[in-house]
Amino acid sequence: MNSRQIADAAISIQNKRITNEIFMIIQNDRILMHEYLRAVETEGLDTVNRTIGKMVKTSYNLVNADDREENPACTLIQSHQKFE
């Protein structure tokens, strides 16, 4: 395996869990968590979570993988799309 293949493999692993990582940042940051809860209060949980997921995809120019993470570590979400 060359250096490019190693980088591609590592990036692929991260892409599969990037959404969970972003939600963990929100969950573990006091200010972001406060703002998240306010947004959920006004916009609704599904809308907020869907918007954050779409922003992750757009911000990192990701493509959907064929499967979903059904058991994320973050407690703010029950599942999330994995990306390639």
N, C-alpha and C. Protein backbone atom coordinates (compact mmCIF):
# COMPACT_ATOMS: atom_id res chain seq x y z
N MET A 1 0.85 -1.17 0.00
CA MET A 1 0.00 0.00 0.00
C MET A 1 0.90 1.25 0.00
N ASN A 2 0.63 2.16 -0.93
CA ASN A 2 1.44 3.38 -0.97
C ASN A 2 0.80 4.48 -0.11
N SER A 3 1.49 5.60 -0.01
CA SER A 3 1.02 6.67 0.88
C SER A 3 -0.35 7.21 0.46
N ARG A 4 -0.62 7.30 -0.81
CA ARG A 4 -1.92 7.78 -1.29
C ARG A 4 -3.03 6.81 -0.90
N GLN A 5 -2.78 5.51 -1.01
CA GLN A 5 -3.77 4.50 -0.64
C GLN A 5 -4.03 4.50 0.88
N ILE A 6 -2.97 4.72 1.64
CA ILE A 6 -3.12 4.81 3.10
C ILE A 6 -4.00 6.01 3.45
N ALA A 7 -3.72 7.15 2.83
CA ALA A 7 -4.53 8.35 3.08
C ALA A 7 -5.97 8.13 2.66
N ASP A 8 -6.19 7.54 1.49
CA ASP A 8 -7.55 7.26 1.01
C ASP A 8 -8.30 6.34 1.98
N ALA A 9 -7.63 5.33 2.49
CA ALA A 9 -8.26 4.39 3.42
C ALA A 9 -8.64 5.10 4.72
N ALA A 10 -7.73 5.91 5.24
CA ALA A 10 -8.01 6.65 6.48
C ALA A 10 -9.15 7.65 6.30
N ILE A 11 -9.14 8.35 5.18
CA ILE A 11 -10.20 9.32 4.89
C ILE A 11 -11.53 8.61 4.74
N SER A 12 -11.54 7.46 4.11
CA SER A 12 -12.77 6.69 3.96
C SER A 12 -13.35 6.28 5.32
N ILE A 13 -12.49 5.88 6.23
CA ILE A 13 -12.93 5.52 7.59
C ILE A 13 -13.54 6.74 8.26
N GLN A 14 -12.87 7.89 8.17
CA GLN A 14 -13.38 9.11 8.79
C GLN A 14 -14.70 9.55 8.16
N ASN A 15 -14.82 9.44 6.85
CA ASN A 15 -16.06 9.84 6.17
C ASN A 15 -17.26 9.05 6.67
N LYS A 16 -17.05 7.80 7.04
CA LYS A 16 -18.14 6.97 7.52
C LYS A 16 -18.64 7.43 8.89
N ARG A 17 -17.79 8.12 9.64
CA ARG A 17 -18.21 8.53 10.98
C ARG A 17 -18.19 10.04 11.21
N ILE A 18 -18.03 10.82 10.15
CA ILE A 18 -17.92 12.27 10.29
C ILE A 18 -19.16 12.89 10.91
N THR A 19 -20.35 12.41 10.54
CA THR A 19 -21.57 12.98 11.10
C THR A 19 -21.62 12.78 12.60
N ASN A 20 -21.28 11.58 13.06
CA ASN A 20 -21.23 11.31 14.49
C ASN A 20 -20.23 12.23 15.17
N GLU A 21 -19.09 12.45 14.55
CA GLU A 21 -18.05 13.31 15.13
C GLU A 21 -18.56 14.75 15.29
N ILE A 22 -19.26 15.26 14.29
CA ILE A 22 -19.79 16.62 14.35
C ILE A 22 -20.82 16.73 15.47
N PHE A 23 -21.71 15.74 15.56
CA PHE A 23 -22.70 15.77 16.64
C PHE A 23 -22.03 15.62 18.01
N MET A 24 -20.94 14.88 18.11
CA MET A 24 -20.21 14.77 19.38
C MET A 24 -19.60 16.12 19.76
N ILE A 25 -19.12 16.87 18.79
CA ILE A 25 -18.60 18.21 19.06
C ILE A 25 -19.71 19.08 19.65
N ILE A 26 -20.87 19.03 19.04
CA ILE A 26 -22.01 19.81 19.55
C ILE A 26 -22.37 19.36 20.96
N GLN A 27 -22.48 18.06 21.15
CA GLN A 27 -22.86 17.50 22.45
C GLN A 27 -21.88 17.87 23.56
N ASN A 28 -20.60 17.93 23.24
CA ASN A 28 -19.57 18.16 24.26
C ASN A 28 -19.18 19.62 24.43
N ASP A 29 -19.73 20.51 23.62
CA ASP A 29 -19.44 21.94 23.73
C ASP A 29 -20.64 22.62 24.38
N ARG A 30 -20.43 23.23 25.50
CA ARG A 30 -21.52 23.84 26.27
C ARG A 30 -22.33 24.85 25.49
N ILE A 31 -21.65 25.72 24.79
CA ILE A 31 -22.33 26.77 24.04
C ILE A 31 -23.09 26.18 22.85
N LEU A 32 -22.41 25.31 22.10
CA LEU A 32 -23.08 24.70 20.95
C LEU A 32 -24.28 23.86 21.39
N MET A 33 -24.14 23.15 22.50
CA MET A 33 -25.24 22.33 22.99
C MET A 33 -26.43 23.20 23.38
N HIS A 34 -26.16 24.32 24.01
CA HIS A 34 -27.22 25.25 24.38
C HIS A 34 -27.95 25.75 23.13
N GLU A 35 -27.19 26.13 22.13
CA GLU A 35 -27.77 26.62 20.88
C GLU A 35 -28.53 25.51 20.15
N TYR A 36 -27.99 24.30 20.20
CA TYR A 36 -28.66 23.15 19.60
C TYR A 36 -30.03 22.94 20.24
N LEU A 37 -30.08 22.98 21.56
CA LEU A 37 -31.35 22.79 22.26
C LEU A 37 -32.35 23.88 21.92
N ARG A 38 -31.87 25.10 21.79
CA ARG A 38 -32.76 26.22 21.39
C ARG A 38 -33.29 26.01 19.97
N ALA A 39 -32.42 25.56 19.09
CA ALA A 39 -32.84 25.30 17.71
C ALA A 39 -33.87 24.18 17.66
N VAL A 40 -33.65 23.13 18.44
CA VAL A 40 -34.60 22.02 18.51
C VAL A 40 -35.95 22.52 19.01
N GLU A 41 -35.91 23.41 19.97
CA GLU A 41 -37.13 23.97 20.54
C GLU A 41 -37.94 24.74 19.49
N THR A 42 -37.25 25.49 18.64
CA THR A 42 -37.97 26.32 17.66
C THR A 42 -38.19 25.62 16.32
N GLU A 43 -37.23 24.78 15.88
CA GLU A 43 -37.32 24.17 14.56
C GLU A 43 -37.78 22.71 14.58
N GLY A 44 -37.62 22.05 15.72
CA GLY A 44 -37.94 20.63 15.82
C GLY A 44 -36.70 19.77 15.66
N LEU A 45 -36.67 18.66 16.36
CA LEU A 45 -35.51 17.76 16.38
C LEU A 45 -35.15 17.25 14.99
N ASP A 46 -36.14 16.73 14.26
CA ASP A 46 -35.84 16.16 12.95
C ASP A 46 -35.26 17.19 11.99
N THR A 47 -35.81 18.38 11.99
CA THR A 47 -35.32 19.44 11.11
C THR A 47 -33.89 19.82 11.45
N VAL A 48 -33.61 20.01 12.73
CA VAL A 48 -32.26 20.40 13.16
C VAL A 48 -31.26 19.32 12.79
N ASN A 49 -31.56 18.07 13.12
CA ASN A 49 -30.61 16.98 12.84
C ASN A 49 -30.41 16.78 11.34
N ARG A 50 -31.48 16.86 10.58
CA ARG A 50 -31.37 16.72 9.13
C ARG A 50 -30.53 17.85 8.53
N THR A 51 -30.76 19.07 9.02
CA THR A 51 -30.00 20.22 8.51
C THR A 51 -28.52 20.06 8.82
N ILE A 52 -28.20 19.66 10.03
CA ILE A 52 -26.78 19.46 10.39
C ILE A 52 -26.17 18.37 9.51
N GLY A 53 -26.89 17.27 9.32
CA GLY A 53 -26.39 16.19 8.46
C GLY A 53 -26.14 16.65 7.04
N LYS A 54 -27.05 17.43 6.49
CA LYS A 54 -26.88 17.95 5.13
C LYS A 54 -25.70 18.91 5.04
N MET A 55 -25.53 19.72 6.09
CA MET A 55 -24.40 20.66 6.11
C MET A 55 -23.06 19.92 6.16
N VAL A 56 -23.01 18.82 6.90
CA VAL A 56 -21.79 18.00 6.94
C VAL A 56 -21.48 17.50 5.53
N LYS A 57 -22.49 16.92 4.88
CA LYS A 57 -22.31 16.38 3.53
C LYS A 57 -21.82 17.46 2.57
N THR A 58 -22.47 18.63 2.59
CA THR A 58 -22.12 19.73 1.70
C THR A 58 -20.74 20.30 2.01
N SER A 59 -20.47 20.52 3.29
CA SER A 59 -19.20 21.15 3.69
C SER A 59 -17.99 20.32 3.31
N TYR A 60 -18.12 19.00 3.36
CA TYR A 60 -17.00 18.12 3.06
C TYR A 60 -17.10 17.49 1.67
N ASN A 61 -18.11 17.92 0.88
CA ASN A 61 -18.30 17.38 -0.48
C ASN A 61 -18.34 15.86 -0.48
N LEU A 62 -19.19 15.29 0.35
CA LEU A 62 -19.26 13.85 0.52
C LEU A 62 -20.36 13.23 -0.33
N VAL A 63 -20.24 11.94 -0.56
CA VAL A 63 -21.22 11.16 -1.31
C VAL A 63 -21.76 10.08 -0.37
N ASN A 64 -23.07 9.87 -0.41
CA ASN A 64 -23.68 8.86 0.46
C ASN A 64 -23.11 7.47 0.18
N ALA A 65 -22.84 6.73 1.26
CA ALA A 65 -22.50 5.32 1.16
C ALA A 65 -23.80 4.53 1.12
N ASP A 66 -23.72 3.25 0.91
CA ASP A 66 -24.92 2.42 0.81
C ASP A 66 -25.53 2.06 2.16
N ASP A 67 -24.89 2.43 3.24
CA ASP A 67 -25.44 2.04 4.54
C ASP A 67 -25.48 3.21 5.52
N ARG A 68 -26.13 2.97 6.64
CA ARG A 68 -26.27 3.96 7.70
C ARG A 68 -25.63 3.43 8.98
N GLU A 69 -25.20 4.34 9.82
CA GLU A 69 -24.74 3.98 11.17
C GLU A 69 -25.97 3.93 12.04
N GLU A 70 -26.30 2.77 12.54
CA GLU A 70 -27.51 2.59 13.34
C GLU A 70 -27.24 2.69 14.85
N ASN A 71 -25.98 2.76 15.23
CA ASN A 71 -25.64 2.81 16.65
C ASN A 71 -24.53 3.84 16.91
N PRO A 72 -24.79 5.13 16.64
CA PRO A 72 -23.74 6.14 16.84
C PRO A 72 -23.42 6.36 18.31
N ALA A 73 -22.23 6.82 18.57
CA ALA A 73 -21.80 7.09 19.94
C ALA A 73 -22.50 8.33 20.51
N CYS A 74 -22.83 9.27 19.66
CA CYS A 74 -23.48 10.51 20.10
C CYS A 74 -24.92 10.24 20.50
N THR A 75 -25.35 10.80 21.61
CA THR A 75 -26.72 10.59 22.08
C THR A 75 -27.72 11.54 21.45
N LEU A 76 -27.27 12.50 20.64
CA LEU A 76 -28.18 13.44 20.00
C LEU A 76 -28.88 12.83 18.79
N ILE A 77 -28.33 11.76 18.26
CA ILE A 77 -28.90 11.13 17.06
C ILE A 77 -29.06 9.64 17.28
N GLN A 78 -30.04 9.07 16.58
CA GLN A 78 -30.28 7.62 16.69
C GLN A 78 -29.59 6.86 15.56
N SER A 79 -29.38 7.52 14.44
CA SER A 79 -28.67 6.93 13.31
C SER A 79 -28.18 8.09 12.44
N HIS A 80 -27.31 7.77 11.49
CA HIS A 80 -26.88 8.78 10.53
C HIS A 80 -26.38 8.11 9.26
N GLN A 81 -26.43 8.88 8.19
CA GLN A 81 -25.93 8.41 6.91
C GLN A 81 -24.42 8.30 6.96
N LYS A 82 -23.89 7.24 6.40
CA LYS A 82 -22.44 7.12 6.24
C LYS A 82 -22.10 7.67 4.85
N PHE A 83 -20.88 8.18 4.72
CA PHE A 83 -20.43 8.76 3.47
C PHE A 83 -19.20 8.02 2.98
N GLU A 84 -18.96 8.15 1.68
CA GLU A 84 -17.77 7.53 1.07
C GLU A 84 -16.62 8.51 1.07
